[in-house]
Amino acid sequence: MELKKDSNAVSIDMLLIVHSEKRRAAQGTHSDRQADPGALPQRKGGLQGIRNEIRKWQKIEENGLCGNLAEKQHPQQTQVITSYDNQGTQLTVEVHPRDAMPQLLKKFSLAKPYPWDRSSLKSMPLDLRQFEKLDAYASQVTVKSGLDELVNDLLQEAHSDLERVRAIWIWICHHIEYDVEAAQEKDRQAFKPSNILQTQKTNCDGYAGLFEKMCRIAGVQCVTVPGYSKGFGYQTGQSFSGEFDHAWNAVYLEGRWHLLDSTWGSGLLDTTTSKFTFLYNEFYFLTHPALFIEDHFPDNKNWQLLKPPQSLRQFENNMYHKSEFYNKGMLSAHPETPVIRTVNGKATITIESCAPTLFMFMLNGKQEHGLLSLQKNGMKLEVYPPTMGTHKLQIFAKGNSDIYSSVLEYTLKCNYVDLGIQLPAELHQPVGPSWFSEQMGILKPSHPDPIIHTSDGRCCVSFGVEEGISVLASLHGDDGPITEETQRRYIFQLHREKRIELKVQLPHAGKFALKIFVKKRQEPGNYVFVFNYLLCCTNTKVNWPMFPESFGNWGQDNELLEPLSGVLPANRNVSFKLKLHGVAKALVKGQDTWPLTLNGEGYWEGSCSTAGCQEVYVMVLENANHNFYSYILKYKVNDQ
């Protein structure tokens, strides 16, 4: 994108600070207006006089580049030119060489130096609640005729420079659409204020130019700042050169310059369709300079408002935290470089947030090959790229909204793959219990870590549950006999008072995802995924069968001691031992029927023969006055 140029304009290598003041008419005597040795040079001719002097200054600058530096008149000094028009309006212009410090910036201290001190996203103390009434008003103002009338309408509810800037910002962000075609065609008509008001579309130059014009009408000092940006189409680690691709604004409020970008405050472009969508982004209003520099690099380093300023190389190499990173309460991320090299096939990323936050990730567009665990104030992610080479890692956060937003992107460089680390494709995020599982009603887990190692292919996981919460668990692996139909049959769920116990038997060696779902019993709808464990077993001799199939009448507080295998041997006498609550009678049914008896410890015991049958059922009579038995467990019998 080439920035707008004018034959009468000063080169963008210079920075101009313009002051306008109505000259007091015929005040004082001639002696009162005697020449002051420290006074600024004054000329007649208004803006044309200013123009002529600027051209003389430019000519001196140009000659100095080829001539003797000693003959150049103050080559790096600020030139101050004053002129009056026929109506007595004083015009004062400060002309600064490229990268020189403007006098106004010298008079007032710069923003706090980076790194960001985490106290606020803004460059001045703000309570956004104070703008609620003004924002609602400004967003509803409509264009009636010209720009002056529009600004006057907007300022009806604005009573300070800050509120004037806010009203203009809100109106532009809610009414001006980014014109993709004009930006691609570099249409200069697209950023003329009259055209913008008519079409309500423009490109970034138009946004910045319109904002500056409206601020000046409102009496607020404002400048347009061109530069490079990490915006639409930006690729991690790319270099910047040539013409600038973006423009934004700086406004002067309460004795200090502040930065804002109404283009990015208004919405976003879809990377696939290149269509613009209005989506207000508060982040880019008076953004803290230490955060603004992450995706905005001005042509004049002084407009970074940082001390010391960053170099272009630093801008290119620094980590880019997207605006949603800060909007959703993130504070920091490690590593702090956009390109990560794996160590022994693994890359580790940690994020610190100011509050508990949900995260997810995608490696090359898929939610695979990583372990993401939630922490009280952040998260930890371990990624294992499946192949050598370059990989794209995206990290998303949920925050207070129901939508996950992209907050970080890394490029992973992998030169080694650990073939022993192959995670199940069904291992979802997050892994391991956390504040979120506690929030969902799962308390005090027996295994607080996300990974469980078992040498014999069996494990027992337990946790407390809040009253009224139902729990569902399923086991998932990438190979072997597990299917959707049988994925719950390798888990047997027991209820012990207010705790749930999950007995797990693995069908073979390998890695498995043990998924935990919950649901409030009294509410309709499906079970909700909460977290999963990663189960690991290296014992190749492991070959556990499924547990017996349980039915709806299997009570929450029932307990199965034997047989735990869902497949019984043929032509054998098999012992049964169960704890059943609220049952009048119990029996086992195969080819024949065998009653179970209640012992002194409260267990129902007995045995049955598996001869001549393919299935065996455990049945109960809940009411002694009835003759209807209910099925609670089902076993299969091995083929003879």
Foldseek 3Di string as FASTA:
>chain_A
DFADDDPLDDDPQKDKDKDKAAADPPPDDPVVPPDDPPDADEEEDPPVVVSVVSVVLVVLLVVCVVDDVVPRDPNQDWHWYWYAYPRRMIMIMTIGGFQHDDPLPVVFAFAEADDDPPPDQFSDDDDCVVCPVLLVQLCPQADDDALLVNLVSSCPVPDFLVSSLVSLLSNLLNQAWEDLVCLVVVPPVQQDRVNCNVVSYHHQSNSAVSSCVSSVSVVWHKDKFFAAFCAQPHDQLDADDDHTRHIFMWTADPSYIFTAGSNVQNFHADNVPRGTDGDGDPSRDNGRLSLVLLTGCTSHQVVSSHVPGDDSVCSSFFFRWDSVCVVQFWDDKPPGTQEAEADQQKDKMKTFGPAFWDKAKAKQRARDQKAWDTAGGTIMMMGGDQDAAKIKMWMWIQHPHPDTDTTGIHIYGYDHHDPQDHAFSPAGPHFFDYPQVVVVFWADKPDRDREDEDAQQKDKIKTFGDPQKDKAKFKDGDDDDDDPVCRRQQWDWADDPRMIMIIGGDQFFDKMKIWMWMDRNVDDDDTHTGHTHIYGYDHGVGGAAGAWDFDPPQDRHKAWDPDRHQEAEAFDKGKGKIAGPQFDWKWKDFVHIGTWDQDPVRITIDIDHRYPGFKMFIWTHNDPVDDDIDTTTMGGYDDD
